[in-house]
Amino acid sequence: MNRLFKILLLSVGLFAAVAAFPADINTAKNQGLIGERADGYLGVVDPSAAADVKTLVREINGKRRAEYDRIAKANGLTRQEVESLGGKKTIAKTRAGGWIYRTRWEKK
């Protein structure tokens, strides 16, 4: 009986761990929860999005910022110049029906 209880607890723990993984960026975009901003970063379209979606946006934006800094330094540009170029590229790549933010959220 003790072994069965341990297996049950392990199963519940594994289920909770899988459920705790952050949302996938493409899934979140397809659900209309996040979108691309003109400043080169992701934004949360739906303020009621789950915490894991908001965490995903923060993590990806941190990685983008680091990459923008690297590109700016390598090319003698400011980060703001690279962010602007990044925003143009990501908005251009956004599929029809995806969310973009220039001055307000709108569907592309």
Protein backbone atom coordinates (compact mmCIF):
# COMPACT_ATOMS: atom_id res chain seq x y z
CA MET A 1 0.00 0.00 0.00
CA ASN A 2 2.83 2.40 0.81
CA ARG A 3 4.38 1.81 -2.63
CA LEU A 4 1.08 2.50 -4.38
CA PHE A 5 0.75 5.78 -2.46
CA LYS A 6 4.27 6.83 -3.54
CA ILE A 7 3.49 6.02 -7.19
CA LEU A 8 0.29 8.04 -6.96
CA LEU A 9 2.15 11.03 -5.48
CA LEU A 10 4.85 10.78 -8.15
CA SER A 11 2.19 10.70 -10.88
CA VAL A 12 0.50 13.80 -9.48
CA GLY A 13 3.88 15.55 -9.20
CA LEU A 14 4.77 14.76 -12.82
CA PHE A 15 1.39 16.03 -14.00
CA ALA A 16 1.88 19.28 -12.07
CA ALA A 17 5.38 19.69 -13.50
CA VAL A 18 4.15 19.27 -17.07
CA ALA A 19 1.31 21.72 -16.48
CA ALA A 20 3.80 24.25 -15.09
CA PHE A 21 5.84 24.50 -18.29
CA PRO A 22 5.39 27.92 -19.93
CA ALA A 23 3.19 28.28 -22.95
CA ASP A 24 4.77 27.93 -26.37
CA ILE A 25 5.21 31.26 -28.20
CA ASN A 26 3.41 30.06 -31.34
CA THR A 27 0.52 28.65 -29.35
CA ALA A 28 0.19 31.90 -27.40
CA LYS A 29 0.26 33.91 -30.64
CA ASN A 30 -2.30 31.64 -32.29
CA GLN A 31 -4.58 32.03 -29.27
CA GLY A 32 -4.34 35.83 -29.56
CA LEU A 33 -2.67 36.18 -26.16
CA ILE A 34 0.56 37.83 -27.36
CA GLY A 35 1.76 39.77 -30.37
CA GLU A 36 4.68 41.64 -31.87
CA ARG A 37 5.35 45.29 -31.04
CA ALA A 38 6.98 47.92 -33.24
CA ASP A 39 9.76 48.31 -30.66
CA GLY A 40 11.01 44.79 -31.41
CA TYR A 41 9.56 43.08 -28.37
CA LEU A 42 6.61 40.82 -27.63
CA GLY A 43 3.59 42.22 -25.84
CA VAL A 44 0.67 40.71 -23.97
CA VAL A 45 -2.48 41.39 -25.99
CA ASP A 46 -4.88 39.83 -23.50
CA PRO A 47 -4.35 41.23 -19.99
CA SER A 48 -6.08 38.16 -18.53
CA ALA A 49 -3.45 35.83 -20.05
CA ALA A 50 -2.09 33.22 -17.65
CA ALA A 51 1.02 33.93 -15.62
CA ASP A 52 3.08 31.44 -17.67
CA VAL A 53 2.30 33.41 -20.83
CA LYS A 54 3.43 36.64 -19.19
CA THR A 55 6.57 34.91 -17.93
CA LEU A 56 7.25 33.62 -21.44
CA VAL A 57 6.98 37.17 -22.83
CA ARG A 58 9.41 38.50 -20.19
CA GLU A 59 11.91 35.71 -20.87
CA ILE A 60 11.82 36.10 -24.64
CA ASN A 61 12.05 39.88 -24.37
CA GLY A 62 15.11 39.52 -22.14
CA LYS A 63 16.76 37.31 -24.75
CA ARG A 64 15.82 39.72 -27.52
CA ARG A 65 17.26 42.65 -25.56
CA ALA A 66 20.55 40.80 -25.11
CA GLU A 67 20.68 39.99 -28.82
CA TYR A 68 19.82 43.58 -29.77
CA ASP A 69 22.66 44.78 -27.53
CA ARG A 70 25.06 42.36 -29.20
CA ILE A 71 24.01 43.41 -32.70
CA ALA A 72 24.17 47.10 -31.80
CA LYS A 73 27.67 46.79 -30.39
CA ALA A 74 28.92 44.75 -33.37
CA ASN A 75 27.56 47.27 -35.86
CA GLY A 76 28.12 50.61 -34.12
CA LEU A 77 24.39 51.25 -33.65
CA THR A 78 22.26 52.11 -30.66
CA ARG A 79 20.05 49.43 -29.15
CA GLN A 80 17.03 51.60 -30.03
CA GLU A 81 18.00 51.52 -33.72
CA VAL A 82 18.29 47.74 -33.62
CA GLU A 83 15.01 47.42 -31.67
CA SER A 84 13.24 49.47 -34.35
CA LEU A 85 14.66 47.28 -37.11
CA GLY A 86 13.72 44.18 -35.12
CA GLY A 87 10.17 45.46 -34.74
CA LYS A 88 9.83 46.05 -38.47
CA LYS A 89 11.10 42.55 -39.22
CA THR A 90 8.93 40.75 -36.68
CA ILE A 91 5.82 42.66 -37.73
CA ALA A 92 6.56 41.88 -41.38
CA LYS A 93 6.87 38.17 -40.47
CA THR A 94 3.65 38.15 -38.44
CA ARG A 95 1.04 36.05 -40.20
CA ALA A 96 -2.27 37.52 -41.32
CA GLY A 97 -4.62 37.56 -38.35
CA GLY A 98 -1.77 37.84 -35.85
CA TRP A 99 -1.64 40.72 -33.38
CA ILE A 100 0.71 43.68 -33.85
CA TYR A 101 1.21 46.87 -31.89
CA ARG A 102 2.25 50.13 -33.51
CA THR A 103 0.16 52.70 -31.67
CA ARG A 104 -2.46 50.20 -30.48
CA TRP A 105 -3.12 46.47 -30.75
CA GLU A 106 -4.57 45.49 -34.13
CA LYS A 107 -4.87 42.36 -36.20
CA LYS A 108 -2.59 42.20 -39.20
